[in-house]
Amino acid sequence: MEAKIDQKVQAVHKRLDAFELRVLERPAPTTDMSYFQTELASLQADVDAILDTPAVEPQAAPFTLGDDTVLGALFNGDDAEEQPEPARSRGKRDRSNHKTELMEEEEASKRQHK
């Protein structure tokens, strides 16, 4: 039995050696480096052009709060009374326990009409 196994191992080694010889006999593939050298030179030229251009920093326009209507509306407290009532609260009563002056005036006018 051992002799048979040794024969099979020798046959496998023989085939591996033959395969190795075929691989070693093949010529090495040649790579054309001229394309890569051309691309590298082009990239170097592009990088040099980018580095040579002067950096121009944009000048920011002077900022004043009065010119910006959004910020003016947000931070100007005078407009609070002019803003319309939200649509979701129209026709709804305030259920809080705090009475406003308007509610007190409405109750007083209702009492007078009775």
C-alpha atoms as a PDB file:
ATOM      1  CA  MET A   1       0.000   0.000   0.000  1.00  0.00           C
ATOM      2  CA  GLU A   2       2.815   2.377   0.884  1.00  0.00           C
ATOM      3  CA  ALA A   3       4.517   1.654  -2.390  1.00  0.00           C
ATOM      4  CA  LYS A   4       1.388   2.645  -4.285  1.00  0.00           C
ATOM      5  CA  ILE A   5       1.134   5.924  -2.358  1.00  0.00           C
ATOM      6  CA  ASP A   6       4.809   6.668  -3.043  1.00  0.00           C
ATOM      7  CA  GLN A   7       4.257   6.084  -6.770  1.00  0.00           C
ATOM      8  CA  LYS A   8       1.317   8.524  -6.802  1.00  0.00           C
ATOM      9  CA  VAL A   9       3.322  11.136  -4.885  1.00  0.00           C
ATOM     10  CA  GLN A  10       6.194  10.792  -7.365  1.00  0.00           C
ATOM     11  CA  ALA A  11       3.755  11.139 -10.286  1.00  0.00           C
ATOM     12  CA  VAL A  12       2.337  14.350  -8.776  1.00  0.00           C
ATOM     13  CA  HIS A  13       5.846  15.750  -8.226  1.00  0.00           C
ATOM     14  CA  LYS A  14       6.797  14.878 -11.798  1.00  0.00           C
ATOM     15  CA  ARG A  15       3.756  16.747 -13.151  1.00  0.00           C
ATOM     16  CA  LEU A  16       4.474  19.758 -10.901  1.00  0.00           C
ATOM     17  CA  ASP A  17       8.069  19.887 -12.144  1.00  0.00           C
ATOM     18  CA  ALA A  18       6.911  19.751 -15.761  1.00  0.00           C
ATOM     19  CA  PHE A  19       4.416  22.555 -15.145  1.00  0.00           C
ATOM     20  CA  GLU A  20       7.060  24.663 -13.418  1.00  0.00           C
ATOM     21  CA  LEU A  21       9.418  24.239 -16.371  1.00  0.00           C
ATOM     22  CA  ARG A  22       6.707  25.339 -18.828  1.00  0.00           C
ATOM     23  CA  VAL A  23       5.974  28.445 -16.759  1.00  0.00           C
ATOM     24  CA  LEU A  24       9.645  29.365 -16.504  1.00  0.00           C
ATOM     25  CA  GLU A  25      10.161  28.944 -20.250  1.00  0.00           C
ATOM     26  CA  ARG A  26       7.486  31.512 -21.097  1.00  0.00           C
ATOM     27  CA  PRO A  27       8.789  34.954 -22.015  1.00  0.00           C
ATOM     28  CA  ALA A  28       8.009  37.701 -19.524  1.00  0.00           C
ATOM     29  CA  PRO A  29       5.263  40.042 -20.719  1.00  0.00           C
ATOM     30  CA  THR A  30       6.554  43.411 -21.812  1.00  0.00           C
ATOM     31  CA  THR A  31       4.777  46.552 -20.703  1.00  0.00           C
ATOM     32  CA  ASP A  32       4.845  49.617 -22.902  1.00  0.00           C
ATOM     33  CA  MET A  33       5.863  52.379 -20.522  1.00  0.00           C
ATOM     34  CA  SER A  34       5.716  55.212 -23.070  1.00  0.00           C
ATOM     35  CA  TYR A  35       1.960  55.708 -22.520  1.00  0.00           C
ATOM     36  CA  PHE A  36       2.423  55.997 -18.751  1.00  0.00           C
ATOM     37  CA  GLN A  37       5.356  58.382 -19.169  1.00  0.00           C
ATOM     38  CA  THR A  38       3.274  60.613 -21.460  1.00  0.00           C
ATOM     39  CA  GLU A  39       0.376  60.662 -18.982  1.00  0.00           C
ATOM     40  CA  LEU A  40       2.727  61.437 -16.089  1.00  0.00           C
ATOM     41  CA  ALA A  41       4.271  64.364 -17.984  1.00  0.00           C
ATOM     42  CA  SER A  42       0.788  65.699 -18.768  1.00  0.00           C
ATOM     43  CA  LEU A  43      -0.255  65.468 -15.117  1.00  0.00           C
ATOM     44  CA  GLN A  44       2.944  67.198 -13.997  1.00  0.00           C
ATOM     45  CA  ALA A  45       2.259  70.042 -16.434  1.00  0.00           C
ATOM     46  CA  ASP A  46      -1.294  70.383 -15.093  1.00  0.00           C
ATOM     47  CA  VAL A  47      -0.069  70.491 -11.490  1.00  0.00           C
ATOM     48  CA  ASP A  48       2.564  73.089 -12.371  1.00  0.00           C
ATOM     49  CA  ALA A  49      -0.075  75.241 -14.079  1.00  0.00           C
ATOM     50  CA  ILE A  50      -2.342  75.039 -11.036  1.00  0.00           C
ATOM     51  CA  LEU A  51       0.471  75.936  -8.654  1.00  0.00           C
ATOM     52  CA  ASP A  52       1.645  78.856 -10.820  1.00  0.00           C
ATOM     53  CA  THR A  53      -1.740  80.608 -10.980  1.00  0.00           C
ATOM     54  CA  PRO A  54      -2.029  83.352  -8.372  1.00  0.00           C
ATOM     55  CA  ALA A  55      -4.736  82.834  -5.790  1.00  0.00           C
ATOM     56  CA  VAL A  56      -7.263  85.661  -5.916  1.00  0.00           C
ATOM     57  CA  GLU A  57      -9.276  86.039  -2.748  1.00  0.00           C
ATOM     58  CA  PRO A  58     -12.762  87.407  -3.399  1.00  0.00           C
ATOM     59  CA  GLN A  59     -13.626  90.605  -1.619  1.00  0.00           C
ATOM     60  CA  ALA A  60     -16.721  90.256   0.516  1.00  0.00           C
ATOM     61  CA  ALA A  61     -19.308  92.995   0.178  1.00  0.00           C
ATOM     62  CA  PRO A  62     -19.801  95.060   3.322  1.00  0.00           C
ATOM     63  CA  PHE A  63     -22.635  93.592   5.358  1.00  0.00           C
ATOM     64  CA  THR A  64     -25.216  95.733   7.037  1.00  0.00           C
ATOM     65  CA  LEU A  65     -28.181  94.419   8.936  1.00  0.00           C
ATOM     66  CA  GLY A  66     -30.571  96.912   7.343  1.00  0.00           C
ATOM     67  CA  ASP A  67     -29.886  95.600   3.839  1.00  0.00           C
ATOM     68  CA  ASP A  68     -30.809  92.035   4.669  1.00  0.00           C
ATOM     69  CA  THR A  69     -34.588  91.844   4.866  1.00  0.00           C
ATOM     70  CA  VAL A  70     -34.671  88.361   6.358  1.00  0.00           C
ATOM     71  CA  LEU A  71     -32.377  89.223   9.241  1.00  0.00           C
ATOM     72  CA  GLY A  72     -34.105  92.550   9.622  1.00  0.00           C
ATOM     73  CA  ALA A  73     -37.475  90.851   9.929  1.00  0.00           C
ATOM     74  CA  LEU A  74     -36.146  88.306  12.399  1.00  0.00           C
ATOM     75  CA  PHE A  75     -34.376  90.716  14.692  1.00  0.00           C
ATOM     76  CA  ASN A  76     -36.651  93.714  14.395  1.00  0.00           C
ATOM     77  CA  GLY A  77     -39.197  93.546  17.242  1.00  0.00           C
ATOM     78  CA  ASP A  78     -41.534  96.191  15.728  1.00  0.00           C
ATOM     79  CA  ASP A  79     -42.993  93.833  13.129  1.00  0.00           C
ATOM     80  CA  ALA A  80     -44.394  91.358  15.668  1.00  0.00           C
ATOM     81  CA  GLU A  81     -47.773  93.103  15.783  1.00  0.00           C
ATOM     82  CA  GLU A  82     -48.071  93.269  11.984  1.00  0.00           C
ATOM     83  CA  GLN A  83     -47.640  89.538  11.386  1.00  0.00           C
ATOM     84  CA  PRO A  84     -50.853  87.712  10.497  1.00  0.00           C
ATOM     85  CA  GLU A  85     -52.322  85.107  12.784  1.00  0.00           C
ATOM     86  CA  PRO A  86     -51.313  81.545  11.829  1.00  0.00           C
ATOM     87  CA  ALA A  87     -53.943  79.698   9.781  1.00  0.00           C
ATOM     88  CA  ARG A  88     -54.088  76.769  12.185  1.00  0.00           C
ATOM     89  CA  SER A  89     -55.176  78.992  15.074  1.00  0.00           C
ATOM     90  CA  ARG A  90     -57.925  80.930  13.293  1.00  0.00           C
ATOM     91  CA  GLY A  91     -61.313  80.268  14.819  1.00  0.00           C
ATOM     92  CA  LYS A  92     -59.854  78.436  17.794  1.00  0.00           C
ATOM     93  CA  ARG A  93     -60.173  79.606  21.339  1.00  0.00           C
ATOM     94  CA  ASP A  94     -57.269  79.879  23.667  1.00  0.00           C
ATOM     95  CA  ARG A  95     -57.744  77.189  26.299  1.00  0.00           C
ATOM     96  CA  SER A  96     -55.173  78.579  28.709  1.00  0.00           C
ATOM     97  CA  ASN A  97     -56.094  79.923  32.127  1.00  0.00           C
ATOM     98  CA  HIS A  98     -54.393  83.228  31.419  1.00  0.00           C
ATOM     99  CA  LYS A  99     -56.752  85.893  30.196  1.00  0.00           C
ATOM    100  CA  THR A 100     -55.428  88.452  27.802  1.00  0.00           C
ATOM    101  CA  GLU A 101     -56.583  92.037  27.639  1.00  0.00           C
ATOM    102  CA  LEU A 102     -58.462  91.284  24.431  1.00  0.00           C
ATOM    103  CA  MET A 103     -60.370  88.433  26.075  1.00  0.00           C
ATOM    104  CA  GLU A 104     -61.234  90.607  29.067  1.00  0.00           C
ATOM    105  CA  GLU A 105     -62.507  93.342  26.731  1.00  0.00           C
ATOM    106  CA  GLU A 106     -64.671  90.822  24.864  1.00  0.00           C
ATOM    107  CA  GLU A 107     -66.172  89.546  28.121  1.00  0.00           C
ATOM    108  CA  ALA A 108     -66.841  93.101  29.312  1.00  0.00           C
ATOM    109  CA  SER A 109     -68.581  93.994  26.046  1.00  0.00           C
ATOM    110  CA  LYS A 110     -70.728  90.828  26.275  1.00  0.00           C
ATOM    111  CA  ARG A 111     -71.781  91.787  29.822  1.00  0.00           C
ATOM    112  CA  GLN A 112     -72.776  95.264  28.668  1.00  0.00           C
ATOM    113  CA  HIS A 113     -74.979  93.911  25.871  1.00  0.00           C
ATOM    114  CA  LYS A 114     -76.967  91.701  28.268  1.00  0.00           C
END
